[in-house]
């Protein structure tokens, strides 16, 4: 399918009786080169199902088409993001809403270090790590009083996870104990 056939497909599938603006054509052009055709069609179907509202004549309303066009990039992105990174983004959203001084980069680094700690020291798989983020870290994010308390609690989680692993390792035998 050529780019122009793709744009015609989008217009017939999504925007009829409307047409895509130049900005939207460029947006879909970017998706055309970045994602597979089947994946784009799957996401379009999901977006149409979620965002389209229809008038009395059975045609989509202008507002719902605009909302869909506004959201399609997020749908494509979210479906290509791993569950662990979706959890990180969810925690970030909670933190940004709750704490005025939330530092997105610092929080992301701390969460990634915690994920690495769980993966390396506890040998947890991605599903178990995602469950830990969704249950424990989300709870901590909601219950912490401020940004500093959140940092301290995540730091403590990191230390605890690494310390648990070190307890399992026996200290080496000293040379004079032979």
N, C-alpha and C. Protein backbone atom coordinates (compact mmCIF):
# COMPACT_ATOMS: atom_id res chain seq x y z
N UNK A 1 0.85 -1.17 0.00
CA UNK A 1 0.00 0.00 0.00
C UNK A 1 0.90 1.23 0.00
N UNK A 2 0.67 2.13 -0.94
CA UNK A 2 1.45 3.36 -1.00
C UNK A 2 0.95 4.34 0.06
N UNK A 3 1.72 5.38 0.26
CA UNK A 3 1.34 6.40 1.22
C UNK A 3 -0.02 7.01 0.86
N UNK A 4 -0.24 7.32 -0.40
CA UNK A 4 -1.50 7.95 -0.82
C UNK A 4 -2.68 6.99 -0.67
N UNK A 5 -2.47 5.72 -0.96
CA UNK A 5 -3.52 4.72 -0.73
C UNK A 5 -3.83 4.62 0.76
N UNK A 6 -2.76 4.72 1.58
CA UNK A 6 -2.93 4.68 3.03
C UNK A 6 -3.76 5.87 3.51
N UNK A 7 -3.45 7.06 3.04
CA UNK A 7 -4.20 8.26 3.44
C UNK A 7 -5.66 8.14 2.98
N UNK A 8 -5.88 7.65 1.78
CA UNK A 8 -7.25 7.45 1.29
C UNK A 8 -7.98 6.43 2.16
N UNK A 9 -7.27 5.39 2.57
CA UNK A 9 -7.87 4.39 3.47
C UNK A 9 -8.28 5.05 4.78
N UNK A 10 -7.39 5.86 5.35
CA UNK A 10 -7.68 6.55 6.62
C UNK A 10 -8.91 7.44 6.45
N UNK A 11 -8.94 8.21 5.39
CA UNK A 11 -10.07 9.12 5.19
C UNK A 11 -11.38 8.36 5.01
N UNK A 12 -11.35 7.24 4.30
CA UNK A 12 -12.59 6.49 4.10
C UNK A 12 -13.01 5.77 5.36
N UNK A 13 -12.06 5.31 6.13
CA UNK A 13 -12.36 4.53 7.34
C UNK A 13 -12.72 5.41 8.52
N UNK A 14 -11.99 6.48 8.67
CA UNK A 14 -12.05 7.25 9.91
C UNK A 14 -12.84 8.54 9.78
N UNK A 15 -12.61 9.30 8.77
CA UNK A 15 -13.11 10.66 8.79
C UNK A 15 -14.32 10.92 7.90
N UNK A 16 -14.77 9.94 7.13
CA UNK A 16 -15.92 10.17 6.27
C UNK A 16 -17.10 10.67 7.10
N UNK A 17 -17.76 11.69 6.79
CA UNK A 17 -17.75 12.51 5.58
C UNK A 17 -16.77 13.67 5.63
N UNK A 18 -15.83 13.65 6.56
CA UNK A 18 -14.85 14.72 6.70
C UNK A 18 -13.56 14.34 5.96
N UNK A 19 -12.62 15.26 5.90
CA UNK A 19 -11.33 14.94 5.29
C UNK A 19 -10.22 15.36 6.26
N UNK A 20 -9.06 14.76 6.07
CA UNK A 20 -7.92 15.04 6.94
C UNK A 20 -7.31 16.39 6.60
N UNK A 21 -6.91 17.10 7.62
CA UNK A 21 -6.18 18.35 7.40
C UNK A 21 -4.74 18.01 7.02
N UNK A 22 -4.01 19.00 6.57
CA UNK A 22 -2.60 18.79 6.21
C UNK A 22 -1.81 18.30 7.43
N UNK A 23 -2.11 18.87 8.58
CA UNK A 23 -1.46 18.46 9.83
C UNK A 23 -1.72 16.98 10.11
N UNK A 24 -2.98 16.54 9.96
CA UNK A 24 -3.32 15.14 10.20
C UNK A 24 -2.69 14.21 9.16
N UNK A 25 -2.59 14.68 7.91
CA UNK A 25 -1.93 13.87 6.88
C UNK A 25 -0.47 13.64 7.24
N UNK A 26 0.19 14.69 7.72
CA UNK A 26 1.59 14.56 8.14
C UNK A 26 1.70 13.61 9.33
N UNK A 27 0.76 13.73 10.26
CA UNK A 27 0.74 12.87 11.44
C UNK A 27 0.62 11.40 11.01
N UNK A 28 -0.32 11.10 10.13
CA UNK A 28 -0.49 9.72 9.68
C UNK A 28 0.66 9.28 8.79
N UNK A 29 1.29 10.21 8.09
CA UNK A 29 2.49 9.88 7.31
C UNK A 29 3.60 9.38 8.22
N UNK A 30 3.74 10.02 9.36
CA UNK A 30 4.73 9.57 10.35
C UNK A 30 4.41 8.15 10.80
N UNK A 31 3.15 7.87 11.09
CA UNK A 31 2.75 6.54 11.53
C UNK A 31 2.95 5.51 10.42
N UNK A 32 2.72 5.92 9.19
CA UNK A 32 2.87 5.04 8.03
C UNK A 32 4.28 4.47 7.97
N UNK A 33 5.26 5.30 8.26
CA UNK A 33 6.66 4.85 8.19
C UNK A 33 7.15 4.21 9.49
N UNK A 34 6.49 4.48 10.58
CA UNK A 34 6.96 3.97 11.87
C UNK A 34 6.36 2.61 12.23
N UNK A 35 5.09 2.37 11.91
CA UNK A 35 4.39 1.17 12.35
C UNK A 35 3.94 0.33 11.15
N UNK A 36 3.66 -0.93 11.42
CA UNK A 36 3.17 -1.81 10.36
C UNK A 36 1.71 -1.47 10.04
N UNK A 37 1.30 -1.80 8.83
CA UNK A 37 -0.06 -1.50 8.38
C UNK A 37 -1.09 -2.22 9.25
N UNK A 38 -0.85 -3.50 9.54
CA UNK A 38 -1.81 -4.25 10.35
C UNK A 38 -1.95 -3.65 11.75
N UNK A 39 -0.83 -3.22 12.31
CA UNK A 39 -0.86 -2.62 13.65
C UNK A 39 -1.64 -1.31 13.62
N UNK A 40 -1.41 -0.49 12.61
CA UNK A 40 -2.13 0.78 12.51
C UNK A 40 -3.63 0.53 12.37
N UNK A 41 -4.00 -0.43 11.52
CA UNK A 41 -5.42 -0.75 11.33
C UNK A 41 -6.05 -1.22 12.63
N UNK A 42 -5.31 -2.04 13.38
CA UNK A 42 -5.81 -2.54 14.67
C UNK A 42 -6.05 -1.37 15.64
N UNK A 43 -5.11 -0.45 15.69
CA UNK A 43 -5.24 0.71 16.59
C UNK A 43 -6.35 1.65 16.13
N UNK A 44 -6.50 1.81 14.82
CA UNK A 44 -7.59 2.64 14.31
C UNK A 44 -8.93 2.04 14.70
N UNK A 45 -9.06 0.73 14.54
CA UNK A 45 -10.31 0.07 14.92
C UNK A 45 -10.60 0.26 16.40
N UNK A 46 -9.56 0.12 17.23
CA UNK A 46 -9.74 0.31 18.68
C UNK A 46 -10.13 1.75 18.99
N UNK A 47 -9.50 2.72 18.31
CA UNK A 47 -9.80 4.13 18.54
C UNK A 47 -11.19 4.50 18.09
N UNK A 48 -11.59 3.99 16.93
CA UNK A 48 -12.94 4.27 16.42
C UNK A 48 -13.97 3.72 17.40
N UNK A 49 -13.73 2.50 17.86
CA UNK A 49 -14.66 1.87 18.80
C UNK A 49 -14.77 2.67 20.10
N UNK A 50 -13.66 3.21 20.55
CA UNK A 50 -13.63 3.93 21.82
C UNK A 50 -14.15 5.37 21.72
N UNK A 51 -13.74 6.08 20.69
CA UNK A 51 -13.97 7.53 20.67
C UNK A 51 -15.10 8.01 19.76
N UNK A 52 -15.47 7.23 18.77
CA UNK A 52 -16.50 7.72 17.86
C UNK A 52 -17.88 7.71 18.51
N UNK A 53 -18.61 8.82 18.29
CA UNK A 53 -20.01 8.93 18.66
C UNK A 53 -20.73 9.31 17.37
N UNK A 54 -21.94 8.83 17.24
CA UNK A 54 -22.65 9.00 15.97
C UNK A 54 -23.89 9.86 16.15
N UNK A 55 -24.23 10.59 15.09
CA UNK A 55 -25.43 11.43 15.11
C UNK A 55 -26.65 10.60 14.69
N UNK A 56 -27.78 11.27 14.53
CA UNK A 56 -29.04 10.58 14.19
C UNK A 56 -28.97 9.90 12.82
N UNK A 57 -28.11 10.39 11.93
CA UNK A 57 -27.98 9.81 10.60
C UNK A 57 -26.98 8.66 10.56
N UNK A 58 -26.39 8.33 11.68
CA UNK A 58 -25.41 7.24 11.73
C UNK A 58 -24.02 7.65 11.31
N UNK A 59 -23.77 8.94 11.19
CA UNK A 59 -22.44 9.43 10.83
C UNK A 59 -21.70 9.89 12.08
N UNK A 60 -20.37 9.76 12.09
CA UNK A 60 -19.62 10.21 13.27
C UNK A 60 -19.70 11.73 13.41
N UNK A 61 -19.74 12.19 14.65
CA UNK A 61 -19.79 13.64 14.89
C UNK A 61 -18.39 14.23 14.69
N UNK A 62 -18.36 15.50 14.33
CA UNK A 62 -17.09 16.19 14.11
C UNK A 62 -16.24 16.17 15.38
N UNK A 63 -16.86 16.35 16.53
CA UNK A 63 -16.12 16.37 17.80
C UNK A 63 -15.47 15.02 18.08
N UNK A 64 -16.20 13.94 17.83
CA UNK A 64 -15.64 12.63 18.11
C UNK A 64 -14.51 12.28 17.15
N UNK A 65 -14.62 12.70 15.90
CA UNK A 65 -13.54 12.48 14.93
C UNK A 65 -12.31 13.26 15.36
N UNK A 66 -12.50 14.50 15.77
CA UNK A 66 -11.36 15.31 16.23
C UNK A 66 -10.72 14.69 17.47
N UNK A 67 -11.54 14.19 18.39
CA UNK A 67 -11.00 13.55 19.58
C UNK A 67 -10.20 12.31 19.20
N UNK A 68 -10.72 11.51 18.28
CA UNK A 68 -10.00 10.33 17.81
C UNK A 68 -8.66 10.72 17.20
N UNK A 69 -8.67 11.73 16.32
CA UNK A 69 -7.42 12.16 15.66
C UNK A 69 -6.42 12.67 16.68
N UNK A 70 -6.92 13.27 17.75
CA UNK A 70 -6.05 13.76 18.82
C UNK A 70 -5.46 12.59 19.62
N UNK A 71 -6.21 11.50 19.76
CA UNK A 71 -5.80 10.39 20.63
C UNK A 71 -5.06 9.26 19.92
N UNK A 72 -5.09 9.19 18.60
CA UNK A 72 -4.55 8.02 17.89
C UNK A 72 -3.05 7.84 18.15
N UNK A 73 -2.31 8.91 18.27
CA UNK A 73 -0.88 8.79 18.56
C UNK A 73 -0.64 8.12 19.90
N UNK A 74 -1.44 8.46 20.90
CA UNK A 74 -1.33 7.84 22.21
C UNK A 74 -1.70 6.37 22.18
N UNK A 75 -2.71 6.03 21.38
CA UNK A 75 -3.11 4.63 21.25
C UNK A 75 -1.97 3.82 20.66
N UNK A 76 -1.38 4.33 19.58
CA UNK A 76 -0.25 3.63 18.93
C UNK A 76 0.92 3.49 19.89
N UNK A 77 1.24 4.57 20.60
CA UNK A 77 2.37 4.54 21.52
C UNK A 77 2.13 3.57 22.68
N UNK A 78 0.95 3.65 23.28
CA UNK A 78 0.67 2.82 24.45
C UNK A 78 0.71 1.34 24.09
N UNK A 79 0.23 1.00 22.92
CA UNK A 79 0.22 -0.42 22.52
C UNK A 79 1.62 -0.94 22.20
N UNK A 80 2.59 -0.07 22.03
CA UNK A 80 3.96 -0.52 21.79
C UNK A 80 4.83 -0.41 23.04
N UNK A 81 4.28 0.12 24.12
CA UNK A 81 5.02 0.27 25.37
C UNK A 81 4.85 -0.98 26.23
N UNK A 82 5.94 -1.41 26.87
CA UNK A 82 5.87 -2.60 27.71
C UNK A 82 5.01 -2.33 28.94
N UNK A 83 4.45 -3.37 29.54
CA UNK A 83 3.64 -3.18 30.75
C UNK A 83 4.42 -2.51 31.89
N UNK A 84 5.70 -2.83 32.02
CA UNK A 84 6.51 -2.22 33.08
C UNK A 84 6.63 -0.72 32.85
N UNK A 85 6.87 -0.31 31.61
CA UNK A 85 6.97 1.13 31.34
C UNK A 85 5.61 1.82 31.42
N UNK A 86 4.54 1.10 31.13
CA UNK A 86 3.21 1.66 31.35
C UNK A 86 2.99 1.92 32.84
N UNK A 87 3.47 1.00 33.68
CA UNK A 87 3.35 1.20 35.13
C UNK A 87 4.18 2.39 35.59
N UNK A 88 5.38 2.54 35.05
CA UNK A 88 6.21 3.70 35.38
C UNK A 88 5.48 4.98 35.00
N UNK A 89 4.91 5.02 33.81
CA UNK A 89 4.16 6.21 33.37
C UNK A 89 2.96 6.48 34.27
N UNK A 90 2.29 5.42 34.72
CA UNK A 90 1.15 5.56 35.63
C UNK A 90 1.60 6.16 36.97
N UNK A 91 2.70 5.64 37.51
CA UNK A 91 3.24 6.15 38.77
C UNK A 91 3.65 7.62 38.60
N UNK A 92 4.27 7.92 37.46
CA UNK A 92 4.67 9.30 37.18
C UNK A 92 3.45 10.23 37.16
N UNK A 93 2.37 9.77 36.54
CA UNK A 93 1.16 10.60 36.46
C UNK A 93 0.58 10.86 37.85
N UNK A 94 0.56 9.84 38.69
CA UNK A 94 0.08 10.02 40.07
C UNK A 94 0.96 11.03 40.80
N UNK A 95 2.28 10.85 40.69
CA UNK A 95 3.22 11.75 41.37
C UNK A 95 3.10 13.19 40.91
N UNK A 96 2.97 13.38 39.60
CA UNK A 96 2.86 14.75 39.09
C UNK A 96 1.58 15.44 39.55
N UNK A 97 0.51 14.67 39.66
CA UNK A 97 -0.75 15.27 40.15
C UNK A 97 -0.69 15.56 41.65
N UNK A 98 0.01 14.71 42.40
CA UNK A 98 -0.02 14.81 43.84
C UNK A 98 1.02 15.79 44.40
N UNK A 99 2.20 15.80 43.82
CA UNK A 99 3.31 16.60 44.38
C UNK A 99 3.71 17.71 43.42
N UNK A 100 3.70 18.91 43.90
CA UNK A 100 4.06 20.06 43.08
C UNK A 100 5.53 20.01 42.67
N UNK A 101 6.40 19.48 43.55
CA UNK A 101 7.83 19.45 43.27
C UNK A 101 8.31 18.12 42.68
N UNK A 102 7.39 17.33 42.11
CA UNK A 102 7.74 16.04 41.51
C UNK A 102 8.76 16.26 40.39
N UNK A 103 9.85 15.52 40.46
CA UNK A 103 10.89 15.59 39.43
C UNK A 103 10.79 14.33 38.58
N UNK A 104 10.29 14.47 37.38
CA UNK A 104 10.00 13.34 36.51
C UNK A 104 11.26 12.53 36.19
N UNK A 105 12.35 13.20 35.89
CA UNK A 105 13.59 12.49 35.54
C UNK A 105 14.17 11.73 36.73
N UNK A 106 14.20 12.35 37.88
CA UNK A 106 14.71 11.69 39.08
C UNK A 106 13.83 10.49 39.44
N UNK A 107 12.53 10.67 39.38
CA UNK A 107 11.60 9.58 39.70
C UNK A 107 11.80 8.42 38.73
N UNK A 108 11.94 8.73 37.45
CA UNK A 108 12.13 7.67 36.45
C UNK A 108 13.43 6.91 36.71
N UNK A 109 14.50 7.65 37.02
CA UNK A 109 15.78 6.98 37.31
C UNK A 109 15.67 6.10 38.54
N UNK A 110 15.01 6.58 39.58
CA UNK A 110 14.87 5.79 40.81
C UNK A 110 14.05 4.54 40.56
N UNK A 111 12.98 4.66 39.78
CA UNK A 111 12.15 3.50 39.47
C UNK A 111 12.92 2.50 38.60
N UNK A 112 13.70 2.99 37.67
CA UNK A 112 14.49 2.09 36.82
C UNK A 112 15.56 1.37 37.64
N UNK A 113 16.17 2.06 38.59
CA UNK A 113 17.15 1.41 39.48
C UNK A 113 16.45 0.33 40.31
N UNK A 114 15.26 0.63 40.80
CA UNK A 114 14.50 -0.35 41.58
C UNK A 114 14.15 -1.57 40.72
N UNK A 115 13.76 -1.34 39.49
CA UNK A 115 13.46 -2.45 38.57
C UNK A 115 14.71 -3.28 38.32
N UNK A 116 15.84 -2.62 38.10
CA UNK A 116 17.10 -3.35 37.90
C UNK A 116 17.47 -4.16 39.14
N UNK A 117 17.25 -3.57 40.31
CA UNK A 117 17.55 -4.27 41.57
C UNK A 117 16.70 -5.52 41.69
N UNK A 118 15.42 -5.39 41.42
CA UNK A 118 14.53 -6.56 41.50
C UNK A 118 14.91 -7.61 40.47
N UNK A 119 15.29 -7.17 39.32
CA UNK A 119 15.65 -8.09 38.25
C UNK A 119 16.98 -8.79 38.53
N UNK A 120 17.98 -8.04 38.96
CA UNK A 120 19.31 -8.61 39.16
C UNK A 120 19.46 -9.35 40.48
N UNK A 121 19.02 -8.74 41.56
CA UNK A 121 19.24 -9.33 42.87
C UNK A 121 18.19 -10.37 43.25
N UNK A 122 16.96 -10.11 42.89
CA UNK A 122 15.90 -11.05 43.26
C UNK A 122 15.51 -11.98 42.12
N UNK A 123 16.07 -11.73 40.92
CA UNK A 123 15.79 -12.54 39.72
C UNK A 123 14.30 -12.59 39.40
N UNK A 124 13.63 -11.46 39.58
CA UNK A 124 12.20 -11.40 39.28
C UNK A 124 12.00 -11.23 37.78
N UNK A 125 10.92 -11.82 37.26
CA UNK A 125 10.59 -11.63 35.85
C UNK A 125 9.78 -10.34 35.69
N UNK A 126 9.52 -9.97 34.44
CA UNK A 126 8.82 -8.70 34.15
C UNK A 126 7.41 -8.66 34.74
N UNK A 127 6.72 -9.81 34.74
CA UNK A 127 5.36 -9.83 35.29
C UNK A 127 5.36 -9.55 36.78
N UNK A 128 6.31 -10.16 37.50
CA UNK A 128 6.37 -9.95 38.95
C UNK A 128 6.80 -8.52 39.28
N UNK A 129 7.72 -7.99 38.48
CA UNK A 129 8.16 -6.60 38.67
C UNK A 129 6.98 -5.66 38.42
N UNK A 130 6.23 -5.90 37.35
CA UNK A 130 5.08 -5.06 37.04
C UNK A 130 4.05 -5.13 38.17
N UNK A 131 3.84 -6.31 38.72
CA UNK A 131 2.90 -6.45 39.84
C UNK A 131 3.38 -5.66 41.05
N UNK A 132 4.68 -5.72 41.33
CA UNK A 132 5.26 -4.95 42.43
C UNK A 132 5.05 -3.45 42.22
N UNK A 133 5.28 -2.98 41.01
CA UNK A 133 5.09 -1.57 40.72
C UNK A 133 3.62 -1.17 40.89
N UNK A 134 2.72 -1.98 40.35
CA UNK A 134 1.29 -1.66 40.38
C UNK A 134 0.71 -1.72 41.79
N UNK A 135 1.24 -2.60 42.62
CA UNK A 135 0.68 -2.75 43.97
C UNK A 135 1.44 -1.91 44.99
N UNK A 136 2.71 -2.17 45.16
CA UNK A 136 3.48 -1.56 46.24
C UNK A 136 3.89 -0.12 45.93
N UNK A 137 4.47 0.11 44.75
CA UNK A 137 4.99 1.46 44.45
C UNK A 137 3.85 2.44 44.22
N UNK A 138 2.77 2.01 43.61
CA UNK A 138 1.61 2.90 43.45
C UNK A 138 1.06 3.27 44.83
N UNK A 139 0.98 2.29 45.72
CA UNK A 139 0.50 2.56 47.09
C UNK A 139 1.41 3.57 47.78
N UNK A 140 2.70 3.37 47.68
CA UNK A 140 3.67 4.30 48.28
C UNK A 140 3.50 5.70 47.69
N UNK A 141 3.32 5.77 46.38
CA UNK A 141 3.16 7.06 45.71
C UNK A 141 1.91 7.78 46.22
N UNK A 142 0.85 7.04 46.43
CA UNK A 142 -0.38 7.66 46.92
C UNK A 142 -0.31 8.04 48.39
N UNK A 143 0.40 7.24 49.19
CA UNK A 143 0.41 7.46 50.64
C UNK A 143 1.49 8.41 51.11
N UNK A 144 2.53 8.62 50.34
CA UNK A 144 3.60 9.52 50.78
C UNK A 144 3.08 10.94 50.93
N UNK A 145 3.59 11.62 51.93
CA UNK A 145 3.12 12.97 52.22
C UNK A 145 3.69 14.00 51.25
N UNK A 146 4.94 13.78 50.82
CA UNK A 146 5.57 14.72 49.90
C UNK A 146 6.63 14.01 49.08
N UNK A 147 7.25 14.76 48.17
CA UNK A 147 8.26 14.25 47.26
C UNK A 147 9.43 13.63 48.02
N UNK A 148 9.91 14.29 49.07
CA UNK A 148 11.05 13.78 49.84
C UNK A 148 10.73 12.45 50.51
N UNK A 149 9.54 12.31 51.04
CA UNK A 149 9.15 11.04 51.64
C UNK A 149 9.09 9.93 50.60
N UNK A 150 8.58 10.26 49.42
CA UNK A 150 8.52 9.27 48.33
C UNK A 150 9.92 8.80 47.96
N UNK A 151 10.85 9.74 47.81
CA UNK A 151 12.23 9.38 47.47
C UNK A 151 12.81 8.47 48.54
N UNK A 152 12.62 8.83 49.81
CA UNK A 152 13.16 8.01 50.91
C UNK A 152 12.59 6.59 50.88
N UNK A 153 11.30 6.46 50.62
CA UNK A 153 10.67 5.14 50.61
C UNK A 153 11.16 4.30 49.43
N UNK A 154 11.33 4.90 48.27
CA UNK A 154 11.82 4.16 47.11
C UNK A 154 13.28 3.77 47.33
N UNK A 155 14.05 4.66 47.91
CA UNK A 155 15.45 4.36 48.24
C UNK A 155 15.52 3.18 49.21
N UNK A 156 14.66 3.19 50.22
CA UNK A 156 14.62 2.09 51.19
C UNK A 156 14.22 0.77 50.52
N UNK A 157 13.27 0.84 49.58
CA UNK A 157 12.89 -0.37 48.85
C UNK A 157 14.08 -0.95 48.08
N UNK A 158 14.86 -0.08 47.46
CA UNK A 158 16.05 -0.52 46.74
C UNK A 158 17.04 -1.19 47.68
N UNK A 159 17.31 -0.55 48.80
CA UNK A 159 18.26 -1.12 49.77
C UNK A 159 17.77 -2.47 50.29
N UNK A 160 16.50 -2.54 50.62
CA UNK A 160 15.92 -3.77 51.15
C UNK A 160 16.03 -4.92 50.13
N UNK A 161 15.74 -4.62 48.87
CA UNK A 161 15.81 -5.66 47.83
C UNK A 161 17.24 -6.14 47.65
N UNK A 162 18.20 -5.23 47.65
CA UNK A 162 19.60 -5.62 47.49
C UNK A 162 20.11 -6.33 48.74
N UNK A 163 19.72 -5.87 49.92
CA UNK A 163 20.15 -6.46 51.18
C UNK A 163 19.65 -7.90 51.31
N UNK A 164 18.43 -8.16 50.88
CA UNK A 164 17.89 -9.52 50.93
C UNK A 164 18.78 -10.48 50.16
N UNK A 165 19.31 -10.03 49.03
CA UNK A 165 20.17 -10.89 48.24
C UNK A 165 21.50 -11.13 48.95
N UNK A 166 22.07 -10.09 49.56
CA UNK A 166 23.36 -10.24 50.23
C UNK A 166 23.27 -11.17 51.42
N UNK A 167 22.12 -11.26 52.07
CA UNK A 167 21.96 -12.18 53.21
C UNK A 167 22.11 -13.63 52.78
N UNK A 168 21.73 -13.91 51.53
CA UNK A 168 21.82 -15.29 51.05
C UNK A 168 23.26 -15.69 50.72
N UNK A 169 24.11 -14.72 50.50
CA UNK A 169 25.50 -15.02 50.13
C UNK A 169 26.33 -15.20 51.40
N UNK A 170 27.03 -16.30 51.49
CA UNK A 170 27.89 -16.56 52.65
C UNK A 170 29.17 -15.75 52.51
N UNK A 171 29.69 -15.21 53.62
CA UNK A 171 30.94 -14.46 53.52
C UNK A 171 32.08 -15.41 53.13
N UNK A 172 33.05 -14.91 52.37
CA UNK A 172 34.16 -15.76 51.97
C UNK A 172 34.99 -16.19 53.18
N UNK A 173 35.59 -17.35 53.10
CA UNK A 173 36.43 -17.87 54.19
C UNK A 173 37.75 -17.11 54.16
N UNK A 174 38.17 -16.66 55.35
CA UNK A 174 39.43 -15.93 55.45
C UNK A 174 40.59 -16.90 55.21
N UNK A 175 41.70 -16.38 54.69
CA UNK A 175 42.85 -17.20 54.33
C UNK A 175 43.46 -17.92 55.52
N UNK A 176 43.39 -17.33 56.71
CA UNK A 176 44.03 -17.94 57.89
C UNK A 176 43.12 -18.96 58.57
N UNK A 177 41.94 -19.22 58.06
CA UNK A 177 41.02 -20.17 58.68
C UNK A 177 41.21 -21.58 58.12
N UNK A 178 42.17 -21.82 57.27
CA UNK A 178 42.40 -23.17 56.73
C UNK A 178 43.06 -23.93 57.79
